[in-house]
PDB file of all heavy atoms in Angstrom:
ATOM      1  N   TYR A   1     -32.304 -52.103 -39.315  1.00  0.00           N
ATOM      2  CA  TYR A   1     -33.166 -52.215 -40.491  1.00  0.00           C
ATOM      3  C   TYR A   1     -34.613 -51.909 -40.130  1.00  0.00           C
ATOM      4  O   TYR A   1     -35.085 -52.242 -39.038  1.00  0.00           O
ATOM      5  CB  TYR A   1     -33.106 -53.632 -41.066  1.00  0.00           C
ATOM      6  CG  TYR A   1     -31.748 -54.039 -41.575  1.00  0.00           C
ATOM      7  CD1 TYR A   1     -30.868 -54.762 -40.783  1.00  0.00           C
ATOM      8  CD2 TYR A   1     -31.344 -53.684 -42.866  1.00  0.00           C
ATOM      9  CE1 TYR A   1     -29.619 -55.123 -41.245  1.00  0.00           C
ATOM     10  CE2 TYR A   1     -30.098 -54.045 -43.339  1.00  0.00           C
ATOM     11  CZ  TYR A   1     -29.241 -54.770 -42.532  1.00  0.00           C
ATOM     12  OH  TYR A   1     -28.005 -55.123 -42.999  1.00  0.00           O
ATOM     13  N   ALA A   2     -35.296 -51.307 -41.073  1.00  0.00           N
ATOM     14  CA  ALA A   2     -36.737 -51.140 -40.934  1.00  0.00           C
ATOM     15  C   ALA A   2     -37.403 -52.496 -41.077  1.00  0.00           C
ATOM     16  O   ALA A   2     -36.934 -53.358 -41.833  1.00  0.00           O
ATOM     17  CB  ALA A   2     -37.254 -50.176 -42.000  1.00  0.00           C
ATOM     18  N   ASP A   3     -38.493 -52.687 -40.376  1.00  0.00           N
ATOM     19  CA  ASP A   3     -39.161 -53.996 -40.384  1.00  0.00           C
ATOM     20  C   ASP A   3     -39.507 -54.503 -41.784  1.00  0.00           C
ATOM     21  O   ASP A   3     -39.344 -55.695 -42.070  1.00  0.00           O
ATOM     22  CB  ASP A   3     -40.424 -53.943 -39.522  1.00  0.00           C
ATOM     23  CG  ASP A   3     -40.110 -53.936 -38.037  1.00  0.00           C
ATOM     24  OD1 ASP A   3     -38.982 -54.293 -37.657  1.00  0.00           O
ATOM     25  OD2 ASP A   3     -41.015 -53.562 -37.258  1.00  0.00           O
ATOM     26  N   PRO A   4     -39.994 -53.646 -42.700  1.00  0.00           N
ATOM     27  CA  PRO A   4     -40.390 -54.159 -44.023  1.00  0.00           C
ATOM     28  C   PRO A   4     -39.250 -54.754 -44.841  1.00  0.00           C
ATOM     29  O   PRO A   4     -39.506 -55.482 -45.807  1.00  0.00           O
ATOM     30  CB  PRO A   4     -40.970 -52.925 -44.726  1.00  0.00           C
ATOM     31  CG  PRO A   4     -41.376 -52.025 -43.623  1.00  0.00           C
ATOM     32  CD  PRO A   4     -40.359 -52.218 -42.562  1.00  0.00           C
ATOM     33  N   VAL A   5     -37.993 -54.460 -44.486  1.00  0.00           N
ATOM     34  CA  VAL A   5     -36.875 -54.934 -45.300  1.00  0.00           C
ATOM     35  C   VAL A   5     -36.002 -55.943 -44.582  1.00  0.00           C
ATOM     36  O   VAL A   5     -35.060 -56.474 -45.171  1.00  0.00           O
ATOM     37  CB  VAL A   5     -36.014 -53.759 -45.806  1.00  0.00           C
ATOM     38  CG1 VAL A   5     -36.889 -52.709 -46.499  1.00  0.00           C
ATOM     39  CG2 VAL A   5     -35.196 -53.124 -44.692  1.00  0.00           C
ATOM     40  N   LYS A   6     -36.291 -56.217 -43.319  1.00  0.00           N
ATOM     41  CA  LYS A   6     -35.486 -57.174 -42.561  1.00  0.00           C
ATOM     42  C   LYS A   6     -35.476 -58.532 -43.248  1.00  0.00           C
ATOM     43  O   LYS A   6     -36.510 -59.043 -43.659  1.00  0.00           O
ATOM     44  CB  LYS A   6     -36.030 -57.303 -41.144  1.00  0.00           C
ATOM     45  CG  LYS A   6     -35.680 -56.133 -40.242  1.00  0.00           C
ATOM     46  CD  LYS A   6     -36.213 -56.338 -38.830  1.00  0.00           C
ATOM     47  CE  LYS A   6     -35.832 -55.170 -37.935  1.00  0.00           C
ATOM     48  NZ  LYS A   6     -36.392 -55.310 -36.566  1.00  0.00           N
ATOM     49  N   GLY A   7     -34.294 -59.093 -43.380  1.00  0.00           N
ATOM     50  CA  GLY A   7     -34.147 -60.390 -44.030  1.00  0.00           C
ATOM     51  C   GLY A   7     -34.019 -60.322 -45.536  1.00  0.00           C
ATOM     52  O   GLY A   7     -33.708 -61.336 -46.174  1.00  0.00           O
ATOM     53  N   ARG A   8     -34.268 -59.141 -46.109  1.00  0.00           N
ATOM     54  CA  ARG A   8     -34.181 -58.999 -47.567  1.00  0.00           C
ATOM     55  C   ARG A   8     -33.085 -58.031 -47.997  1.00  0.00           C
ATOM     56  O   ARG A   8     -32.502 -58.188 -49.068  1.00  0.00           O
ATOM     57  CB  ARG A   8     -35.516 -58.510 -48.122  1.00  0.00           C
ATOM     58  CG  ARG A   8     -36.693 -59.442 -47.861  1.00  0.00           C
ATOM     59  CD  ARG A   8     -37.941 -58.997 -48.627  1.00  0.00           C
ATOM     60  NE  ARG A   8     -38.408 -57.668 -48.225  1.00  0.00           N
ATOM     61  CZ  ARG A   8     -38.548 -56.640 -49.063  1.00  0.00           C
ATOM     62  NH1 ARG A   8     -38.253 -56.774 -50.347  1.00  0.00           N
ATOM     63  NH2 ARG A   8     -38.989 -55.467 -48.616  1.00  0.00           N
ATOM     64  N   PHE A   9     -32.841 -57.015 -47.187  1.00  0.00           N
ATOM     65  CA  PHE A   9     -31.854 -55.998 -47.521  1.00  0.00           C
ATOM     66  C   PHE A   9     -30.658 -56.105 -46.574  1.00  0.00           C
ATOM     67  O   PHE A   9     -30.801 -56.472 -45.395  1.00  0.00           O
ATOM     68  CB  PHE A   9     -32.451 -54.603 -47.375  1.00  0.00           C
ATOM     69  CG  PHE A   9     -33.493 -54.232 -48.388  1.00  0.00           C
ATOM     70  CD1 PHE A   9     -34.044 -55.163 -49.246  1.00  0.00           C
ATOM     71  CD2 PHE A   9     -33.923 -52.917 -48.487  1.00  0.00           C
ATOM     72  CE1 PHE A   9     -35.007 -54.809 -50.183  1.00  0.00           C
ATOM     73  CE2 PHE A   9     -34.884 -52.531 -49.402  1.00  0.00           C
ATOM     74  CZ  PHE A   9     -35.432 -53.477 -50.243  1.00  0.00           C
ATOM     75  N   THR A  10     -29.479 -55.748 -47.096  1.00  0.00           N
ATOM     76  CA  THR A  10     -28.271 -55.722 -46.283  1.00  0.00           C
ATOM     77  C   THR A  10     -27.501 -54.436 -46.562  1.00  0.00           C
ATOM     78  O   THR A  10     -27.201 -54.135 -47.722  1.00  0.00           O
ATOM     79  CB  THR A  10     -27.373 -56.922 -46.588  1.00  0.00           C
ATOM     80  OG1 THR A  10     -28.090 -58.143 -46.329  1.00  0.00           O
ATOM     81  CG2 THR A  10     -26.124 -56.893 -45.716  1.00  0.00           C
ATOM     82  N   ILE A  11     -27.190 -53.719 -45.501  1.00  0.00           N
ATOM     83  CA  ILE A  11     -26.376 -52.511 -45.637  1.00  0.00           C
ATOM     84  C   ILE A  11     -24.940 -52.857 -45.247  1.00  0.00           C
ATOM     85  O   ILE A  11     -24.699 -53.641 -44.324  1.00  0.00           O
ATOM     86  CB  ILE A  11     -26.930 -51.362 -44.759  1.00  0.00           C
ATOM     87  CG1 ILE A  11     -26.188 -50.056 -45.058  1.00  0.00           C
ATOM     88  CG2 ILE A  11     -26.873 -51.715 -43.275  1.00  0.00           C
ATOM     89  CD1 ILE A  11     -26.820 -48.824 -44.391  1.00  0.00           C
ATOM     90  N   SER A  12     -24.001 -52.273 -45.981  1.00  0.00           N
ATOM     91  CA  SER A  12     -22.593 -52.477 -45.672  1.00  0.00           C
ATOM     92  C   SER A  12     -21.826 -51.226 -46.053  1.00  0.00           C
ATOM     93  O   SER A  12     -22.338 -50.379 -46.786  1.00  0.00           O
ATOM     94  CB  SER A  12     -22.039 -53.704 -46.408  1.00  0.00           C
ATOM     95  OG  SER A  12     -22.129 -53.534 -47.807  1.00  0.00           O
ATOM     96  N   ARG A  13     -20.603 -51.137 -45.549  1.00  0.00           N
ATOM     97  CA  ARG A  13     -19.774 -49.985 -45.892  1.00  0.00           C
ATOM     98  C   ARG A  13     -18.348 -50.451 -46.123  1.00  0.00           C
ATOM     99  O   ARG A  13     -17.876 -51.408 -45.502  1.00  0.00           O
ATOM    100  CB  ARG A  13     -19.841 -48.930 -44.783  1.00  0.00           C
ATOM    101  CG  ARG A  13     -19.249 -49.336 -43.455  1.00  0.00           C
ATOM    102  CD  ARG A  13     -19.595 -48.313 -42.354  1.00  0.00           C
ATOM    103  NE  ARG A  13     -19.059 -46.995 -42.626  1.00  0.00           N
ATOM    104  CZ  ARG A  13     -19.464 -45.878 -42.020  1.00  0.00           C
ATOM    105  NH1 ARG A  13     -20.411 -45.936 -41.087  1.00  0.00           N
ATOM    106  NH2 ARG A  13     -18.909 -44.715 -42.319  1.00  0.00           N
ATOM    107  N   ASP A  14     -17.676 -49.737 -47.016  1.00  0.00           N
ATOM    108  CA  ASP A  14     -16.268 -49.964 -47.294  1.00  0.00           C
ATOM    109  C   ASP A  14     -15.560 -48.632 -47.065  1.00  0.00           C
ATOM    110  O   ASP A  14     -15.571 -47.759 -47.938  1.00  0.00           O
ATOM    111  CB  ASP A  14     -16.083 -50.466 -48.722  1.00  0.00           C
ATOM    112  CG  ASP A  14     -14.638 -50.854 -49.019  1.00  0.00           C
ATOM    113  OD1 ASP A  14     -13.729 -50.390 -48.313  1.00  0.00           O
ATOM    114  OD2 ASP A  14     -14.428 -51.608 -49.980  1.00  0.00           O
ATOM    115  N   ASN A  15     -14.980 -48.487 -45.903  1.00  0.00           N
ATOM    116  CA  ASN A  15     -14.355 -47.207 -45.566  1.00  0.00           C
ATOM    117  C   ASN A  15     -13.131 -46.916 -46.427  1.00  0.00           C
ATOM    118  O   ASN A  15     -12.768 -45.748 -46.610  1.00  0.00           O
ATOM    119  CB  ASN A  15     -13.976 -47.191 -44.086  1.00  0.00           C
ATOM    120  CG  ASN A  15     -15.191 -47.152 -43.171  1.00  0.00           C
ATOM    121  OD1 ASN A  15     -16.264 -46.679 -43.557  1.00  0.00           O
ATOM    122  ND2 ASN A  15     -15.046 -47.653 -41.956  1.00  0.00           N
ATOM    123  N   SER A  16     -12.498 -47.953 -46.968  1.00  0.00           N
ATOM    124  CA  SER A  16     -11.332 -47.734 -47.833  1.00  0.00           C
ATOM    125  C   SER A  16     -11.742 -47.112 -49.169  1.00  0.00           C
ATOM    126  O   SER A  16     -10.923 -46.499 -49.850  1.00  0.00           O
ATOM    127  CB  SER A  16     -10.590 -49.041 -48.069  1.00  0.00           C
ATOM    128  OG  SER A  16     -11.350 -49.927 -48.867  1.00  0.00           O
ATOM    129  N   LYS A  17     -13.023 -47.301 -49.526  1.00  0.00           N
ATOM    130  CA  LYS A  17     -13.535 -46.756 -50.790  1.00  0.00           C
ATOM    131  C   LYS A  17     -14.553 -45.642 -50.570  1.00  0.00           C
ATOM    132  O   LYS A  17     -15.167 -45.165 -51.526  1.00  0.00           O
ATOM    133  CB  LYS A  17     -14.167 -47.872 -51.613  1.00  0.00           C
ATOM    134  CG  LYS A  17     -13.204 -48.969 -52.034  1.00  0.00           C
ATOM    135  CD  LYS A  17     -13.896 -50.030 -52.863  1.00  0.00           C
ATOM    136  CE  LYS A  17     -12.901 -51.106 -53.287  1.00  0.00           C
ATOM    137  NZ  LYS A  17     -13.552 -52.173 -54.085  1.00  0.00           N
ATOM    138  N   ASN A  18     -14.731 -45.237 -49.309  1.00  0.00           N
ATOM    139  CA  ASN A  18     -15.697 -44.170 -48.995  1.00  0.00           C
ATOM    140  C   ASN A  18     -17.068 -44.464 -49.591  1.00  0.00           C
ATOM    141  O   ASN A  18     -17.716 -43.570 -50.179  1.00  0.00           O
ATOM    142  CB  ASN A  18     -15.196 -42.812 -49.501  1.00  0.00           C
ATOM    143  CG  ASN A  18     -14.137 -42.214 -48.605  1.00  0.00           C
ATOM    144  OD1 ASN A  18     -13.593 -42.884 -47.736  1.00  0.00           O
ATOM    145  ND2 ASN A  18     -13.825 -40.949 -48.816  1.00  0.00           N
ATOM    146  N   THR A  19     -17.518 -45.698 -49.456  1.00  0.00           N
ATOM    147  CA  THR A  19     -18.758 -46.115 -50.091  1.00  0.00           C
ATOM    148  C   THR A  19     -19.622 -46.932 -49.131  1.00  0.00           C
ATOM    149  O   THR A  19     -19.085 -47.745 -48.371  1.00  0.00           O
ATOM    150  CB  THR A  19     -18.472 -46.936 -51.357  1.00  0.00           C
ATOM    151  OG1 THR A  19     -17.655 -46.173 -52.249  1.00  0.00           O
ATOM    152  CG2 THR A  19     -19.767 -47.293 -52.083  1.00  0.00           C
ATOM    153  N   VAL A  20     -20.922 -46.697 -49.212  1.00  0.00           N
ATOM    154  CA  VAL A  20     -21.889 -47.521 -48.492  1.00  0.00           C
ATOM    155  C   VAL A  20     -22.797 -48.187 -49.519  1.00  0.00           C
ATOM    156  O   VAL A  20     -23.110 -47.583 -50.555  1.00  0.00           O
ATOM    157  CB  VAL A  20     -22.689 -46.686 -47.465  1.00  0.00           C
ATOM    158  CG1 VAL A  20     -23.489 -45.595 -48.125  1.00  0.00           C
ATOM    159  CG2 VAL A  20     -23.562 -47.582 -46.610  1.00  0.00           C
ATOM    160  N   PHE A  21     -23.176 -49.420 -49.241  1.00  0.00           N
ATOM    161  CA  PHE A  21     -23.959 -50.210 -50.181  1.00  0.00           C
ATOM    162  C   PHE A  21     -25.286 -50.622 -49.549  1.00  0.00           C
ATOM    163  O   PHE A  21     -25.408 -50.728 -48.327  1.00  0.00           O
ATOM    164  CB  PHE A  21     -23.203 -51.475 -50.586  1.00  0.00           C
ATOM    165  CG  PHE A  21     -21.847 -51.226 -51.165  1.00  0.00           C
ATOM    166  CD1 PHE A  21     -20.707 -51.303 -50.373  1.00  0.00           C
ATOM    167  CD2 PHE A  21     -21.701 -50.901 -52.509  1.00  0.00           C
ATOM    168  CE1 PHE A  21     -19.450 -51.072 -50.903  1.00  0.00           C
ATOM    169  CE2 PHE A  21     -20.446 -50.666 -53.047  1.00  0.00           C
ATOM    170  CZ  PHE A  21     -19.316 -50.755 -52.243  1.00  0.00           C
ATOM    171  N   LEU A  22     -26.252 -50.870 -50.419  1.00  0.00           N
ATOM    172  CA  LEU A  22     -27.503 -51.477 -49.983  1.00  0.00           C
ATOM    173  C   LEU A  22     -27.807 -52.615 -50.951  1.00  0.00           C
ATOM    174  O   LEU A  22     -28.155 -52.365 -52.109  1.00  0.00           O
ATOM    175  CB  LEU A  22     -28.650 -50.473 -49.959  1.00  0.00           C
ATOM    176  CG  LEU A  22     -29.963 -51.020 -49.395  1.00  0.00           C
ATOM    177  CD1 LEU A  22     -29.819 -51.294 -47.892  1.00  0.00           C
ATOM    178  CD2 LEU A  22     -31.110 -50.046 -49.644  1.00  0.00           C
ATOM    179  N   GLN A  23     -27.632 -53.834 -50.475  1.00  0.00           N
ATOM    180  CA  GLN A  23     -27.961 -55.014 -51.272  1.00  0.00           C
ATOM    181  C   GLN A  23     -29.413 -55.363 -51.015  1.00  0.00           C
ATOM    182  O   GLN A  23     -29.808 -55.598 -49.870  1.00  0.00           O
ATOM    183  CB  GLN A  23     -27.059 -56.183 -50.885  1.00  0.00           C
ATOM    184  CG  GLN A  23     -27.354 -57.456 -51.652  1.00  0.00           C
ATOM    185  CD  GLN A  23     -27.015 -57.335 -53.124  1.00  0.00           C
ATOM    186  OE1 GLN A  23     -25.940 -56.856 -53.483  1.00  0.00           O
ATOM    187  NE2 GLN A  23     -27.926 -57.770 -53.985  1.00  0.00           N
ATOM    188  N   MET A  24     -30.203 -55.373 -52.075  1.00  0.00           N
ATOM    189  CA  MET A  24     -31.632 -55.628 -51.958  1.00  0.00           C
ATOM    190  C   MET A  24     -31.978 -56.901 -52.708  1.00  0.00           C
ATOM    191  O   MET A  24     -31.586 -57.074 -53.868  1.00  0.00           O
ATOM    192  CB  MET A  24     -32.421 -54.451 -52.526  1.00  0.00           C
ATOM    193  CG  MET A  24     -32.038 -53.104 -51.923  1.00  0.00           C
ATOM    194  SD  MET A  24     -33.061 -51.750 -52.509  1.00  0.00           S
ATOM    195  CE  MET A  24     -32.524 -51.669 -54.212  1.00  0.00           C
ATOM    196  N   SER A  25     -32.700 -57.785 -52.074  1.00  0.00           N
ATOM    197  CA  SER A  25     -33.133 -59.019 -52.714  1.00  0.00           C
ATOM    198  C   SER A  25     -34.608 -59.253 -52.425  1.00  0.00           C
ATOM    199  O   SER A  25     -35.205 -58.574 -51.585  1.00  0.00           O
ATOM    200  CB  SER A  25     -32.294 -60.199 -52.221  1.00  0.00           C
ATOM    201  OG  SER A  25     -32.430 -60.355 -50.820  1.00  0.00           O
TER     202      SER A  25
END
C-alpha cells in the first residue's frame, strides 16, 4: 500500500471471479 492509504484501504482478489477489489474507508 501507498503510505497515504495505509490503514484505510484494502486490496483483495477473487481469482474464481477474475476480479480485484479496492475497499476504501
